[in-house]
Amino acid sequence: MNGNEFGRLFRVTTYGESHGDAMGATISGCPAGVELSVKDIQHELDRRKPGQSMITTSRGEPDAVVVNSGVQDGYTTGTPIGMVVQNKDARSGKYEPYVTAPRPSHGDFTYSAKFGTRNWGGGGRSSARETVNWVAAGAVAKQVLEQSEYDIEVKAHVNQIGDIEAPPVSFDEMLEHTEENDVRCAHPETAEKMQAAIEQYQKEGDSIGGSIYFEAQGVPRGLGAPRFDSFSARLGQAMMAVPAATAFEFGLGREAREWTGSDRNENWEFDEEGDPRPVGNKHGGIQGGITTGQPIYGEMTLHAPTSIPKKQRTVDWETGEEKEIQVVGRHDPVLPPRGVPVVEAMFYLTILDFMLLSGRINPDRLDGAVGEYDTPYHPSSPQNE
């Protein structure tokens, strides 16, 4: 199986199945000299883990991360960082009815058709549980960016569930309110309506889709390359890799089809430092596939969770029967609330990779002090203590 690696210089390779022994990620290309603790990573994993509230799956996974390489005395060493999260609460027996009778709209049949076999417990490799690896890697990328000389910050929030849409909110409002409610919507009044709607779908044995708005501030201009390595293309790849993603847009997004060129085009002016900048930001911080220095913002859509307790129909290719099935187990009735830290992680990974590719951050060491060996983060000889 290919497709388990993301990034050019900051490369993340992941492994694991939903009901396997463990999930894991290896990061190659993390600069040395980044202060990193398990606590930094665990904080982000706790935002994604199951069982946070009544509107998430009740699967009891602590998602406790173990860092087993690439860090010495609290600093990254420049060597590959290995991270492991053990699976503690797998119950594969509930998935036995679907081994040869694929669940509607899952990856069951397509995986079997491609490989001739599959790990069927909990959906195996196609399960959204795999995103625990992405969030762990994104937490490392976040620390690199936060400790660099650049003031880059990423935030996301749930802006729509079903037909309930939050009004636009500021970046500061996202920072202040997103984590205050179970839905992770930065508009408190809308969050209450979303919560009630989700609970109703849950009672009916159904699920509902939604969307996540994301934004990054402080990203410098000049990141990205035209065409296949454009910033928007790589960001789109990152967001569309999120399980259940059906749409990605930035700037005006789909609304751009309703605008004339004269309305959408943004004139240029000089900023306070005498540099050209566009008047407005309908372009979402990206022009010609390259960042402009303006905030980068967009939205991604997630369809309703496909594992629902309502009765559905399938076929069993082993017996030749048509069957009525009822998917039982522990599943989320909605995905965006737990998807927020996943989206933020993929955004951080994309930004950091471009920062390294452009030379804004030294790929070897965060301090950029080429040739300097007697550093504050170099280990001391035990014999000299």
Protein backbone atom coordinates (compact mmCIF):
# COMPACT_ATOMS: atom_id res chain seq x y z
CA MET A 1 0.00 0.00 0.00
CA ASN A 2 1.33 3.40 -1.03
CA GLY A 3 0.07 6.79 0.10
CA ASN A 4 1.16 6.59 3.74
CA GLU A 5 3.55 9.56 3.60
CA PHE A 6 2.86 13.29 3.59
CA GLY A 7 5.30 16.14 3.02
CA ARG A 8 8.49 16.84 1.05
CA LEU A 9 11.05 17.86 3.71
CA PHE A 10 8.96 17.49 6.85
CA ARG A 11 7.85 13.96 5.99
CA VAL A 12 5.30 12.05 8.03
CA THR A 13 4.91 8.30 7.51
CA THR A 14 2.10 6.58 9.39
CA TYR A 15 1.00 3.04 10.13
CA GLY A 16 -1.70 1.16 12.03
CA GLU A 17 -5.26 -0.13 11.77
CA SER A 18 -8.29 0.80 13.84
CA HIS A 19 -8.30 -2.45 15.84
CA GLY A 20 -4.63 -3.36 15.46
CA ASP A 21 -2.10 -3.28 18.27
CA ALA A 22 -1.12 0.34 17.82
CA MET A 23 -1.09 3.46 15.67
CA GLY A 24 2.21 5.12 14.86
CA ALA A 25 4.01 7.86 12.97
CA THR A 26 7.59 8.57 12.00
CA ILE A 27 8.66 12.12 11.24
CA SER A 28 11.72 12.64 9.06
CA GLY A 29 13.08 16.13 8.54
CA CYS A 30 12.29 17.78 11.84
CA PRO A 31 15.04 20.33 12.58
CA ALA A 32 17.22 19.82 15.64
CA GLY A 33 16.99 22.11 18.65
CA VAL A 34 13.19 22.20 18.98
CA GLU A 35 12.06 21.93 22.58
CA LEU A 36 9.54 19.09 22.58
CA SER A 37 7.78 17.16 25.32
CA VAL A 38 5.18 14.41 25.36
CA LYS A 39 2.87 16.95 27.00
CA ASP A 40 2.95 19.13 23.86
CA ILE A 41 1.78 16.21 21.73
CA GLN A 42 -0.66 14.79 24.25
CA HIS A 43 -2.50 18.10 24.54
CA GLU A 44 -3.47 17.94 20.87
CA LEU A 45 -4.31 14.22 21.00
CA ASP A 46 -6.67 14.84 23.91
CA ARG A 47 -8.62 17.25 21.71
CA ARG A 48 -9.11 14.54 19.08
CA LYS A 49 -9.58 11.42 21.21
CA PRO A 50 -12.93 9.60 21.45
CA GLY A 51 -15.24 9.78 24.42
CA GLN A 52 -14.95 13.54 24.94
CA SER A 53 -18.69 14.13 25.12
CA MET A 54 -22.10 12.63 24.44
CA ILE A 55 -21.84 13.57 20.75
CA THR A 56 -18.69 11.53 20.13
CA THR A 57 -18.02 7.82 20.02
CA SER A 58 -17.83 6.14 23.42
CA ARG A 59 -14.79 4.09 22.46
CA GLY A 60 -12.49 4.29 25.48
CA GLU A 61 -9.11 5.17 24.04
CA PRO A 62 -6.73 7.22 26.22
CA ASP A 63 -4.57 7.90 23.13
CA ALA A 64 -1.46 8.14 25.31
CA VAL A 65 1.53 8.86 23.08
CA VAL A 66 5.00 7.43 23.55
CA VAL A 67 7.94 9.18 21.84
CA ASN A 68 10.64 6.58 21.32
CA SER A 69 13.21 8.35 19.14
CA GLY A 70 14.39 11.71 17.86
CA VAL A 71 14.31 13.57 21.18
CA GLN A 72 17.09 13.86 23.78
CA ASP A 73 16.93 15.83 27.02
CA GLY A 74 13.75 17.53 25.82
CA TYR A 75 15.07 18.70 22.42
CA THR A 76 14.77 17.25 18.94
CA THR A 77 18.03 15.85 17.60
CA GLY A 78 17.34 16.07 13.86
CA THR A 79 16.92 12.30 13.58
CA PRO A 80 13.58 10.61 12.84
CA ILE A 81 10.97 11.08 15.55
CA GLY A 82 9.04 7.90 16.28
CA MET A 83 5.68 8.05 18.06
CA VAL A 84 3.34 5.24 19.09
CA VAL A 85 -0.22 5.24 20.44
CA GLN A 86 -1.49 1.87 21.66
CA ASN A 87 -5.06 0.76 20.88
CA LYS A 88 -6.71 -0.17 24.17
CA ASP A 89 -10.44 -0.65 23.48
CA ALA A 90 -10.84 -2.58 20.22
CA ARG A 91 -13.90 -4.82 19.91
CA SER A 92 -13.61 -6.48 16.53
CA GLY A 93 -16.39 -9.03 17.08
CA LYS A 94 -19.03 -6.48 16.17
CA TYR A 95 -17.52 -6.26 12.67
CA GLU A 96 -17.66 -9.98 11.82
CA PRO A 97 -20.97 -9.67 9.91
CA TYR A 98 -19.32 -7.30 7.42
CA VAL A 99 -16.22 -9.29 6.48
CA THR A 100 -17.77 -10.35 3.14
CA ALA A 101 -20.88 -8.15 3.31
CA PRO A 102 -19.65 -4.55 2.90
CA ARG A 103 -21.28 -1.81 4.90
CA PRO A 104 -23.00 0.88 2.77
CA SER A 105 -20.74 3.78 1.75
CA HIS A 106 -17.68 2.48 3.62
CA GLY A 107 -14.29 1.50 2.23
CA ASP A 108 -14.97 -2.20 2.88
CA PHE A 109 -15.54 -3.33 -0.72
CA THR A 110 -13.04 -1.01 -2.38
CA TYR A 111 -10.22 -2.12 -0.06
CA SER A 112 -11.02 -5.79 -0.68
CA ALA A 113 -11.28 -5.20 -4.42
CA LYS A 114 -7.90 -3.45 -4.51
CA PHE A 115 -5.84 -5.74 -2.28
CA GLY A 116 -7.77 -9.00 -2.27
CA THR A 117 -7.81 -8.82 1.52
CA ARG A 118 -8.21 -6.29 4.30
CA ASN A 119 -8.05 -5.76 8.03
CA TRP A 120 -11.78 -5.62 8.75
CA GLY A 121 -11.80 -4.82 12.48
CA GLY A 122 -13.17 -1.33 12.95
CA GLY A 123 -12.60 -0.54 9.30
CA GLY A 124 -8.86 -1.27 9.52
CA ARG A 125 -6.66 1.22 7.71
CA SER A 126 -9.64 3.10 6.27
CA SER A 127 -10.84 4.10 9.74
CA ALA A 128 -10.66 7.73 10.82
CA ARG A 129 -8.81 6.45 13.89
CA GLU A 130 -5.70 6.71 11.72
CA THR A 131 -5.86 10.49 12.11
CA VAL A 132 -4.45 10.10 15.62
CA ASN A 133 -1.09 9.85 13.81
CA TRP A 134 -1.72 13.07 11.90
CA VAL A 135 -2.58 15.03 15.03
CA ALA A 136 0.56 13.77 16.78
CA ALA A 137 2.71 14.85 13.83
CA GLY A 138 0.87 18.16 13.56
CA ALA A 139 1.63 18.84 17.23
CA VAL A 140 5.34 18.54 16.46
CA ALA A 141 5.01 20.85 13.45
CA LYS A 142 3.18 23.35 15.63
CA GLN A 143 6.05 23.41 18.12
CA VAL A 144 8.59 23.99 15.34
CA LEU A 145 6.63 26.96 14.02
CA GLU A 146 5.89 28.41 17.46
CA GLN A 147 9.57 28.32 18.39
CA SER A 148 10.76 29.79 15.09
CA GLU A 149 11.22 33.51 14.50
CA TYR A 150 7.87 33.59 12.70
CA ASP A 151 4.59 34.39 14.42
CA ILE A 152 2.39 31.83 12.68
CA GLU A 153 -0.88 30.69 14.24
CA VAL A 154 -3.55 28.30 12.98
CA LYS A 155 -7.12 27.92 14.21
CA ALA A 156 -10.29 26.21 13.02
CA HIS A 157 -13.88 25.86 14.18
CA VAL A 158 -17.11 24.13 13.15
CA ASN A 159 -19.03 26.66 11.09
CA GLN A 160 -21.91 24.46 9.91
CA ILE A 161 -23.78 21.32 10.95
CA GLY A 162 -26.54 20.24 8.58
CA ASP A 163 -28.42 23.41 7.63
CA ILE A 164 -27.37 25.27 10.79
CA GLU A 165 -24.67 27.76 9.82
CA ALA A 166 -22.73 30.05 12.14
CA PRO A 167 -22.22 33.69 11.16
CA PRO A 168 -18.66 34.72 10.33
CA VAL A 169 -16.41 34.99 13.38
CA SER A 170 -13.03 36.65 13.84
CA PHE A 171 -9.77 34.83 14.41
CA ASP A 172 -9.73 36.07 18.01
CA GLU A 173 -13.24 34.75 18.54
CA MET A 174 -12.12 31.34 17.31
CA LEU A 175 -9.21 31.40 19.74
CA GLU A 176 -11.50 32.40 22.59
CA HIS A 177 -14.62 30.30 22.03
CA THR A 178 -13.90 27.21 19.91
CA GLU A 179 -12.91 24.98 22.83
CA GLU A 180 -15.72 26.21 25.10
CA ASN A 181 -18.37 23.80 23.80
CA ASP A 182 -18.58 20.20 22.64
CA VAL A 183 -19.38 21.15 19.04
CA ARG A 184 -16.26 23.34 18.76
CA CYS A 185 -18.20 26.18 17.18
CA ALA A 186 -16.81 29.63 18.01
CA HIS A 187 -20.28 31.21 17.95
CA PRO A 188 -21.87 30.15 21.28
CA GLU A 189 -25.50 30.70 20.27
CA THR A 190 -25.12 28.66 17.09
CA ALA A 191 -23.23 25.98 19.00
CA GLU A 192 -26.30 25.40 21.19
CA LYS A 193 -28.52 24.91 18.12
CA MET A 194 -25.96 22.56 16.57
CA GLN A 195 -25.75 20.53 19.77
CA ALA A 196 -29.52 20.09 19.90
CA ALA A 197 -29.67 19.03 16.25
CA ILE A 198 -26.84 16.50 16.67
CA GLU A 199 -28.52 14.98 19.72
CA GLN A 200 -31.77 14.63 17.76
CA TYR A 201 -30.07 12.81 14.89
CA GLN A 202 -28.38 10.59 17.47
CA LYS A 203 -31.74 9.67 19.02
CA GLU A 204 -33.10 8.81 15.58
CA GLY A 205 -30.18 6.47 14.90
CA ASP A 206 -28.86 8.72 12.16
CA SER A 207 -25.94 11.06 11.53
CA ILE A 208 -25.34 14.45 9.93
CA GLY A 209 -22.60 16.21 7.96
CA GLY A 210 -21.01 19.60 8.43
CA SER A 211 -18.05 21.82 7.67
CA ILE A 212 -14.98 23.31 9.30
CA TYR A 213 -13.63 26.81 8.71
CA PHE A 214 -9.86 27.18 9.07
CA GLU A 215 -7.49 30.15 9.10
CA ALA A 216 -3.77 30.82 9.45
CA GLN A 217 -2.25 34.17 10.34
CA GLY A 218 1.37 35.23 10.08
CA VAL A 219 2.25 33.01 7.11
CA PRO A 220 4.91 34.92 5.11
CA ARG A 221 4.58 35.72 1.44
CA GLY A 222 6.38 33.66 -1.15
CA LEU A 223 5.53 30.09 -0.07
CA GLY A 224 4.53 27.62 -2.75
CA ALA A 225 5.42 27.02 -6.38
CA PRO A 226 3.30 27.33 -9.51
CA ARG A 227 1.26 24.37 -10.71
CA PHE A 228 1.55 21.03 -8.93
CA ASP A 229 3.42 22.36 -5.89
CA SER A 230 1.27 25.42 -5.41
CA PHE A 231 0.34 26.17 -1.83
CA SER A 232 -3.35 25.76 -2.60
CA ALA A 233 -2.79 22.42 -4.36
CA ARG A 234 -0.81 20.98 -1.47
CA LEU A 235 -3.26 22.37 1.08
CA GLY A 236 -6.10 20.84 -0.90
CA GLN A 237 -4.34 17.49 -0.83
CA ALA A 238 -3.93 17.74 2.94
CA MET A 239 -7.57 18.62 3.55
CA MET A 240 -9.07 16.17 1.08
CA ALA A 241 -7.07 13.36 2.72
CA VAL A 242 -9.16 13.83 5.87
CA PRO A 243 -11.63 10.92 6.10
CA ALA A 244 -15.15 11.86 4.94
CA ALA A 245 -13.93 15.06 3.20
CA THR A 246 -16.05 15.87 0.16
CA ALA A 247 -15.08 19.48 -0.59
CA PHE A 248 -12.25 21.96 -0.03
CA GLU A 249 -12.18 25.65 -0.83
CA PHE A 250 -10.15 28.74 0.04
CA GLY A 251 -10.85 32.44 -0.27
CA LEU A 252 -14.18 32.97 -2.00
CA GLY A 253 -14.24 29.29 -2.84
CA ARG A 254 -17.37 28.17 -4.68
CA GLU A 255 -18.81 31.66 -4.36
CA ALA A 256 -16.21 32.87 -6.86
CA ARG A 257 -18.34 31.52 -9.73
CA GLU A 258 -20.89 34.25 -8.96
CA TRP A 259 -18.40 37.14 -9.09
CA THR A 260 -17.28 39.13 -12.11
CA GLY A 261 -13.59 39.72 -12.67
CA SER A 262 -13.92 43.41 -11.89
CA ASP A 263 -15.62 42.64 -8.57
CA ARG A 264 -13.24 39.88 -7.50
CA ASN A 265 -9.99 41.54 -8.57
CA GLU A 266 -8.24 43.39 -5.77
CA ASN A 267 -6.23 46.55 -6.38
CA TRP A 268 -2.76 47.03 -4.95
CA GLU A 269 -1.59 49.50 -2.36
CA PHE A 270 1.53 50.06 -0.25
CA ASP A 271 1.54 48.82 3.32
CA GLU A 272 3.12 50.57 6.31
CA GLU A 273 6.57 49.32 5.30
CA GLY A 274 6.25 50.42 1.70
CA ASP A 275 5.62 46.95 0.27
CA PRO A 276 2.82 46.19 -2.19
CA ARG A 277 -0.21 44.40 -0.79
CA PRO A 278 -3.64 43.61 -2.19
CA VAL A 279 -6.61 45.65 -1.02
CA GLY A 280 -8.75 42.99 0.58
CA ASN A 281 -8.35 39.25 0.81
CA LYS A 282 -10.97 37.58 -1.36
CA HIS A 283 -8.10 35.45 -2.68
CA GLY A 284 -7.66 33.79 0.71
CA GLY A 285 -3.97 34.59 1.08
CA ILE A 286 -2.89 32.79 -2.11
CA GLN A 287 -2.35 34.22 -5.60
CA GLY A 288 -0.82 32.26 -8.45
CA GLY A 289 -0.42 29.35 -6.07
CA ILE A 290 1.94 31.40 -3.85
CA THR A 291 1.17 32.97 -0.49
CA THR A 292 0.71 36.76 -0.37
CA GLY A 293 1.31 37.28 3.34
CA GLN A 294 -2.38 37.82 3.98
CA PRO A 295 -4.32 35.42 6.24
CA ILE A 296 -4.96 32.08 4.57
CA TYR A 297 -8.50 30.89 5.11
CA GLY A 298 -10.91 28.34 3.76
CA GLU A 299 -13.42 25.64 4.49
CA MET A 300 -13.70 21.89 4.15
CA THR A 301 -16.83 19.77 4.16
CA LEU A 302 -17.29 16.39 5.85
CA HIS A 303 -20.16 14.09 4.97
CA ALA A 304 -22.29 12.43 7.63
CA PRO A 305 -20.69 9.43 9.38
CA THR A 306 -21.49 6.29 7.40
CA SER A 307 -21.74 4.00 10.44
CA ILE A 308 -25.34 4.43 11.61
CA PRO A 309 -27.65 2.06 13.52
CA LYS A 310 -30.51 2.42 11.03
CA LYS A 311 -31.21 -0.75 9.03
CA GLN A 312 -29.62 -0.83 5.57
CA ARG A 313 -29.15 -3.35 2.77
CA THR A 314 -26.02 -5.04 1.46
CA VAL A 315 -24.91 -8.20 -0.35
CA ASP A 316 -22.66 -11.02 0.87
CA TRP A 317 -20.33 -12.06 -1.96
CA GLU A 318 -19.38 -15.26 -0.12
CA THR A 319 -22.94 -16.59 0.20
CA GLY A 320 -24.57 -14.75 -2.70
CA GLU A 321 -27.28 -13.43 -0.38
CA GLU A 322 -28.87 -10.02 -0.14
CA LYS A 323 -28.93 -8.99 3.50
CA GLU A 324 -30.46 -6.44 5.79
CA ILE A 325 -27.84 -5.24 8.27
CA GLN A 326 -27.72 -2.93 11.25
CA VAL A 327 -24.32 -1.44 12.02
CA VAL A 328 -23.84 -1.61 15.76
CA GLY A 329 -20.92 -0.28 17.74
CA ARG A 330 -19.54 3.02 18.97
CA HIS A 331 -19.60 5.71 16.32
CA ASP A 332 -19.70 9.50 16.11
CA PRO A 333 -23.05 10.99 15.01
CA VAL A 334 -21.14 13.90 13.47
CA LEU A 335 -17.51 14.38 12.47
CA PRO A 336 -16.53 18.10 12.46
CA PRO A 337 -16.16 18.53 16.28
CA ARG A 338 -13.36 15.95 16.46
CA GLY A 339 -12.20 16.98 12.98
CA VAL A 340 -11.12 20.45 14.12
CA PRO A 341 -7.75 19.32 15.59
CA VAL A 342 -7.21 17.09 12.53
CA VAL A 343 -7.70 20.04 10.15
CA GLU A 344 -5.40 22.22 12.25
CA ALA A 345 -2.74 19.49 12.24
CA MET A 346 -2.79 19.10 8.47
CA PHE A 347 -2.62 22.89 8.07
CA TYR A 348 0.43 23.08 10.36
CA LEU A 349 2.13 20.23 8.48
CA THR A 350 1.56 21.95 5.13
CA ILE A 351 2.83 25.33 6.31
CA LEU A 352 5.95 23.93 7.97
CA ASP A 353 6.88 21.84 4.94
CA PHE A 354 6.76 24.95 2.75
CA MET A 355 8.71 26.96 5.32
CA LEU A 356 11.49 24.36 5.18
CA LEU A 357 11.37 24.08 1.39
CA SER A 358 11.69 27.85 1.03
CA GLY A 359 14.61 28.08 3.47
CA ARG A 360 12.65 30.29 5.88
CA ILE A 361 13.48 27.70 8.55
CA ASN A 362 16.79 25.84 8.42
CA PRO A 363 16.00 22.15 7.73
CA ASP A 364 18.94 20.99 9.88
CA ARG A 365 18.54 23.09 13.01
CA LEU A 366 16.00 25.56 14.27
CA ASP A 367 18.58 28.12 15.43
CA GLY A 368 20.16 28.29 11.96
CA ALA A 369 23.63 28.53 13.54
CA VAL A 370 25.44 26.46 10.92
CA GLY A 371 28.64 24.92 12.24
CA GLU A 372 28.03 25.83 15.88
CA TYR A 373 28.36 22.76 18.08
CA ASP A 374 28.45 24.08 21.66
CA THR A 375 24.74 24.83 21.92
CA PRO A 376 22.37 25.19 24.90
CA TYR A 377 20.53 22.08 23.72
CA HIS A 378 23.59 19.86 23.19
CA PRO A 379 23.84 17.12 25.87
CA SER A 380 26.56 17.54 28.51
CA SER A 381 29.06 14.80 29.21
CA PRO A 382 28.09 12.87 32.36
CA GLN A 383 31.80 12.82 33.26
CA ASN A 384 31.91 16.61 33.39
CA GLU A 385 29.10 16.96 35.90
